[in-house]
Amino acid sequence: MKLNSGVRYIENGLKTPLKAMQAQSVLINIANENVTGFDKVGYQRKEAVISSFTEYLGADGISSTVDDKVGRIANTGNPLDLALATKGYFQIQSANGIKLTRDGRFKLDKDGNLLNLEDAKVLADNGSPIKLSIIPENIKDIVVNVKGGLSVFNKATNKLEYVANIGVVDASGAVVITPDVRQGYNEYSNVSLEREFLGMLAPIRNFDANRQIFMIESTNLTKAISQLGSAN
C-alpha cells in the first residue's frame, strides 16, 4: 500500500492579490492602533504574529500579541497615580469580572474605596477590594511603598496605619513578588512612533503592489471576456 500526502493549493488568480491586500491591511491597522495608543496611560504595544500559511489564509493568518515591556514613566505629583516599573498588572474588579491593567490612575470615593477612573474597585493581593478605614482630608496623607503597601496617616495617633497591599500579578495571574510600584507617576505606552512608522512602509508598499497586480489581472480578464463575447 502506498500513501501520498501533501498540501495542494489551487486558487483563482484574482483572489491571491486580494488576500495579500487584506493581510497587509491587518498589519497596517495594528501599527495604526499602536500609534493611536502612543500617549495612552498603560497602553501596551501590539506585535503582529504572522503565520507561515498567511499566503493562503490572508488576513486569517495574522494575529497579535502584547509587548509587555515597561513604557515611559512620568511624574504627576498625584499620590493616587501609581506606575509599575516592572512587568505586571493591577487587578480591577469590574462588572464583568477581574481585569488586569497597567493604568494606575486611581481615586477614592466618599466611603474610602480605592477605584480606577471607571469606578471599578482596585484589589489587594488577597483578592479583596481595597477600602481605607480612615478617609484622609488630603490625599498626600496616603503613602504607597515600592512593594505596593498602602498606608494612610492617622492624625489622631500621628502614625501611618497600614491598609492593604495592592495586588500586582503577571499575565497568568501569579503574584509579582517585587512589583516596584512608583507613587506619583503614570506609565505611558511602550510604543516608539519611529518604529511604527518605519514598520508600516513595507505593508503599504506590498498593498500597493498587490493592488496593481489585481487591477492588471482584472483588466486582462475583462478584455478576455469581451473578446470571447464578440467572437460569438
Protein backbone atom coordinates (compact mmCIF):
# COMPACT_ATOMS: atom_id res chain seq x y z
CA MET A 1 0.00 0.00 0.00
CA LYS A 2 1.26 3.45 -0.92
CA LEU A 3 0.21 6.65 0.87
CA ASN A 4 0.54 10.07 -0.70
CA SER A 5 0.23 13.28 1.31
CA GLY A 6 0.89 16.96 0.89
CA VAL A 7 -0.70 20.36 0.54
CA ARG A 8 -2.37 21.14 -2.73
CA TYR A 9 -3.44 24.70 -3.30
CA ILE A 10 -5.23 25.98 -6.39
CA GLU A 11 -6.84 29.40 -6.38
CA ASN A 12 -8.24 31.95 -8.77
CA GLY A 13 -5.61 34.50 -9.76
CA LEU A 14 -7.77 37.43 -8.63
CA LYS A 15 -8.08 36.02 -5.11
CA THR A 16 -4.33 35.94 -4.47
CA PRO A 17 -3.72 39.72 -4.59
CA LEU A 18 -7.00 40.30 -2.73
CA LYS A 19 -5.89 38.07 0.15
CA ALA A 20 -2.49 39.75 0.15
CA MET A 21 -4.12 43.20 0.37
CA GLN A 22 -6.33 42.03 3.25
CA ALA A 23 -3.29 40.70 5.11
CA GLN A 24 -1.33 43.93 4.61
CA SER A 25 -4.37 45.92 5.80
CA VAL A 26 -4.35 43.97 9.09
CA LEU A 27 -0.65 44.77 9.59
CA ILE A 28 -1.27 48.45 8.85
CA ASN A 29 -4.23 48.52 11.27
CA ILE A 30 -2.11 47.03 14.08
CA ALA A 31 0.54 49.71 13.53
CA ASN A 32 -2.12 52.44 13.41
CA GLU A 33 -3.57 51.19 16.70
CA ASN A 34 -0.12 51.43 18.28
CA VAL A 35 0.33 54.97 17.00
CA THR A 36 -3.09 55.93 18.42
CA GLY A 37 -2.12 54.41 21.78
CA PHE A 38 1.20 56.27 21.98
CA ASP A 39 0.00 58.81 24.58
CA LYS A 40 -2.41 56.48 26.42
CA VAL A 41 -1.61 55.65 30.05
CA GLY A 42 -0.99 51.93 30.49
CA TYR A 43 -1.24 51.09 26.77
CA GLN A 44 0.92 48.15 25.68
CA ARG A 45 2.15 47.84 22.13
CA LYS A 46 0.65 45.12 19.92
CA GLU A 47 3.03 42.93 17.97
CA ALA A 48 1.86 41.20 14.78
CA VAL A 49 2.20 37.42 14.62
CA ILE A 50 2.32 36.19 11.02
CA SER A 51 1.53 32.55 10.26
CA SER A 52 3.63 30.66 7.70
CA PHE A 53 0.33 30.00 5.85
CA THR A 54 -0.66 33.66 5.60
CA GLU A 55 -0.07 33.50 1.83
CA TYR A 56 -3.01 31.10 1.63
CA LEU A 57 -5.09 32.26 4.60
CA GLY A 58 -4.85 36.00 4.01
CA ALA A 59 -5.99 38.11 6.99
CA ASP A 60 -6.88 34.95 8.95
CA GLY A 61 -3.19 34.07 9.07
CA ILE A 62 -2.34 37.14 11.17
CA SER A 63 -2.88 37.58 14.89
CA SER A 64 -1.31 39.82 17.51
CA THR A 65 0.39 39.53 20.87
CA VAL A 66 1.14 42.09 23.58
CA ASP A 67 4.58 43.60 24.03
CA ASP A 68 4.85 43.70 27.83
CA LYS A 69 7.96 45.85 28.09
CA VAL A 70 7.67 48.73 30.58
CA GLY A 71 6.61 52.01 28.98
CA ARG A 72 7.58 55.62 29.61
CA ILE A 73 7.15 56.64 33.25
CA ALA A 74 6.36 60.30 34.01
CA ASN A 75 5.95 62.15 37.28
CA THR A 76 2.49 63.58 38.01
CA GLY A 77 2.78 64.52 41.69
CA ASN A 78 -0.62 62.92 42.36
CA PRO A 79 -0.32 60.43 45.28
CA LEU A 80 -3.09 58.27 43.78
CA ASP A 81 -1.25 57.88 40.47
CA LEU A 82 0.72 54.63 40.54
CA ALA A 83 3.05 53.14 37.94
CA LEU A 84 4.73 49.76 37.72
CA ALA A 85 8.45 49.94 36.91
CA THR A 86 8.47 46.22 36.15
CA LYS A 87 6.26 43.76 34.26
CA GLY A 88 2.88 43.11 35.84
CA TYR A 89 -0.68 44.36 36.16
CA PHE A 90 -3.00 45.90 38.73
CA GLN A 91 -6.18 43.93 39.41
CA ILE A 92 -9.52 45.67 38.96
CA GLN A 93 -12.94 44.33 39.97
CA SER A 94 -15.21 45.35 37.10
CA ALA A 95 -18.84 44.48 36.38
CA ASN A 96 -17.57 41.76 34.03
CA GLY A 97 -15.13 40.21 36.48
CA ILE A 98 -11.50 40.80 37.35
CA LYS A 99 -9.50 42.71 34.76
CA LEU A 100 -5.78 43.41 34.51
CA THR A 101 -4.43 46.86 33.71
CA ARG A 102 -1.27 48.92 33.85
CA ASP A 103 -3.26 52.13 34.11
CA GLY A 104 -2.69 53.14 37.72
CA ARG A 105 -4.72 56.35 37.79
CA PHE A 106 -6.76 55.77 40.93
CA LYS A 107 -9.13 57.77 43.15
CA LEU A 108 -11.09 57.49 46.40
CA ASP A 109 -14.87 57.58 46.77
CA LYS A 110 -16.69 59.03 49.76
CA ASP A 111 -16.61 55.64 51.52
CA GLY A 112 -12.85 55.23 51.17
CA ASN A 113 -12.88 52.68 48.35
CA LEU A 114 -9.90 52.80 46.02
CA LEU A 115 -11.22 52.99 42.45
CA ASN A 116 -9.93 53.40 38.93
CA LEU A 117 -11.21 56.14 36.61
CA GLU A 118 -14.17 53.94 35.56
CA ASP A 119 -15.20 53.45 39.22
CA ALA A 120 -14.10 49.81 39.32
CA LYS A 121 -12.62 48.68 42.65
CA VAL A 122 -8.87 48.12 42.96
CA LEU A 123 -7.99 44.75 44.52
CA ALA A 124 -5.46 43.91 47.20
CA ASP A 125 -3.05 40.98 46.91
CA ASN A 126 -5.57 38.78 48.80
CA GLY A 127 -8.22 39.48 46.14
CA SER A 128 -10.41 41.77 48.24
CA PRO A 129 -11.31 45.38 47.31
CA ILE A 130 -9.13 48.00 48.98
CA LYS A 131 -11.02 50.25 51.37
CA LEU A 132 -9.45 52.83 53.64
CA SER A 133 -10.73 52.79 57.22
CA ILE A 134 -9.57 56.39 57.57
CA ILE A 135 -10.51 58.84 54.82
CA PRO A 136 -7.78 61.50 54.75
CA GLU A 137 -8.58 65.16 54.31
CA ASN A 138 -5.58 65.38 51.97
CA ILE A 139 -4.64 62.57 49.60
CA LYS A 140 -1.00 63.38 50.33
CA ASP A 141 -1.57 61.53 53.60
CA ILE A 142 -1.72 58.31 51.55
CA VAL A 143 1.62 56.54 51.13
CA VAL A 144 2.36 53.61 48.84
CA ASN A 145 5.74 51.89 49.03
CA VAL A 146 7.60 50.11 46.22
CA LYS A 147 6.11 46.75 47.26
CA GLY A 148 2.58 48.11 46.88
CA GLY A 149 1.92 48.52 50.59
CA LEU A 150 -0.69 51.24 51.06
CA SER A 151 -0.83 53.19 54.33
CA VAL A 152 -2.67 56.29 55.47
CA PHE A 153 -1.61 58.88 58.02
CA ASN A 154 -3.83 58.91 61.10
CA LYS A 155 -3.83 62.39 62.59
CA ALA A 156 -5.35 61.07 65.85
CA THR A 157 -2.37 58.81 66.53
CA ASN A 158 0.14 60.76 64.44
CA LYS A 159 1.16 57.48 62.76
CA LEU A 160 0.97 55.77 59.40
CA GLU A 161 -1.58 52.97 59.51
CA TYR A 162 -1.25 50.06 57.10
CA VAL A 163 -4.35 49.44 54.94
CA ALA A 164 -3.53 46.76 52.36
CA ASN A 165 -1.05 45.60 49.79
CA ILE A 166 -2.08 46.50 46.24
CA GLY A 167 -2.35 43.33 44.18
CA VAL A 168 0.08 43.12 41.26
CA VAL A 169 0.09 39.97 39.11
CA ASP A 170 1.62 38.79 35.86
CA ALA A 171 -0.37 37.91 32.72
CA SER A 172 -1.12 34.42 34.07
CA GLY A 173 -2.45 35.78 37.38
CA ALA A 174 0.57 34.85 39.50
CA VAL A 175 1.53 37.38 42.17
CA VAL A 176 4.53 39.59 41.34
CA ILE A 177 6.74 39.50 44.43
CA THR A 178 8.68 42.68 43.67
CA PRO A 179 6.29 44.95 41.70
CA ASP A 180 8.37 48.15 42.07
CA VAL A 181 5.39 50.48 42.47
CA ARG A 182 6.09 54.18 41.87
CA GLN A 183 3.76 56.57 43.68
CA GLY A 184 3.00 59.85 41.95
CA TYR A 185 3.79 58.53 38.47
CA ASN A 186 1.93 57.47 35.33
CA GLU A 187 3.20 54.90 32.86
CA TYR A 188 2.56 55.81 29.25
CA SER A 189 2.75 53.41 26.33
CA ASN A 190 5.85 51.46 25.31
CA VAL A 191 5.27 52.50 21.69
CA SER A 192 8.05 54.01 19.58
CA LEU A 193 6.50 56.19 16.87
CA GLU A 194 9.61 55.92 14.69
CA ARG A 195 9.45 52.13 14.84
CA GLU A 196 5.75 52.06 13.97
CA PHE A 197 6.06 54.46 11.02
CA LEU A 198 9.06 52.58 9.61
CA GLY A 199 7.26 49.28 10.14
CA MET A 200 4.30 50.49 8.08
CA LEU A 201 6.38 51.18 4.98
CA ALA A 202 6.68 47.55 3.87
CA PRO A 203 2.96 46.67 4.31
CA ILE A 204 1.92 49.86 2.48
CA ARG A 205 4.26 49.08 -0.44
CA ASN A 206 3.11 45.46 -0.56
CA PHE A 207 -0.52 46.58 -0.50
CA ASP A 208 0.08 48.96 -3.43
CA ALA A 209 1.97 46.29 -5.39
CA ASN A 210 -0.83 43.74 -4.96
CA ARG A 211 -3.42 46.39 -5.84
CA GLN A 212 -1.61 47.00 -9.11
CA ILE A 213 -1.49 43.25 -9.80
CA PHE A 214 -5.22 42.98 -9.07
CA MET A 215 -6.01 45.87 -11.44
CA ILE A 216 -3.90 44.36 -14.22
CA GLU A 217 -5.50 40.93 -13.81
CA SER A 218 -8.96 42.46 -13.65
CA THR A 219 -8.33 44.46 -16.82
CA ASN A 220 -6.98 41.41 -18.66
CA LEU A 221 -9.92 39.28 -17.53
CA THR A 222 -12.38 41.94 -18.67
CA LYS A 223 -10.68 42.06 -22.09
CA ALA A 224 -10.74 38.26 -22.37
CA ILE A 225 -14.45 38.10 -21.56
CA SER A 226 -15.16 40.93 -24.02
CA GLN A 227 -13.23 39.14 -26.80
CA LEU A 228 -14.98 35.85 -26.09
CA GLY A 229 -18.33 37.63 -26.25
CA SER A 230 -17.54 39.32 -29.57
CA ALA A 231 -16.34 36.02 -31.02
CA ASN A 232 -19.81 34.57 -30.63
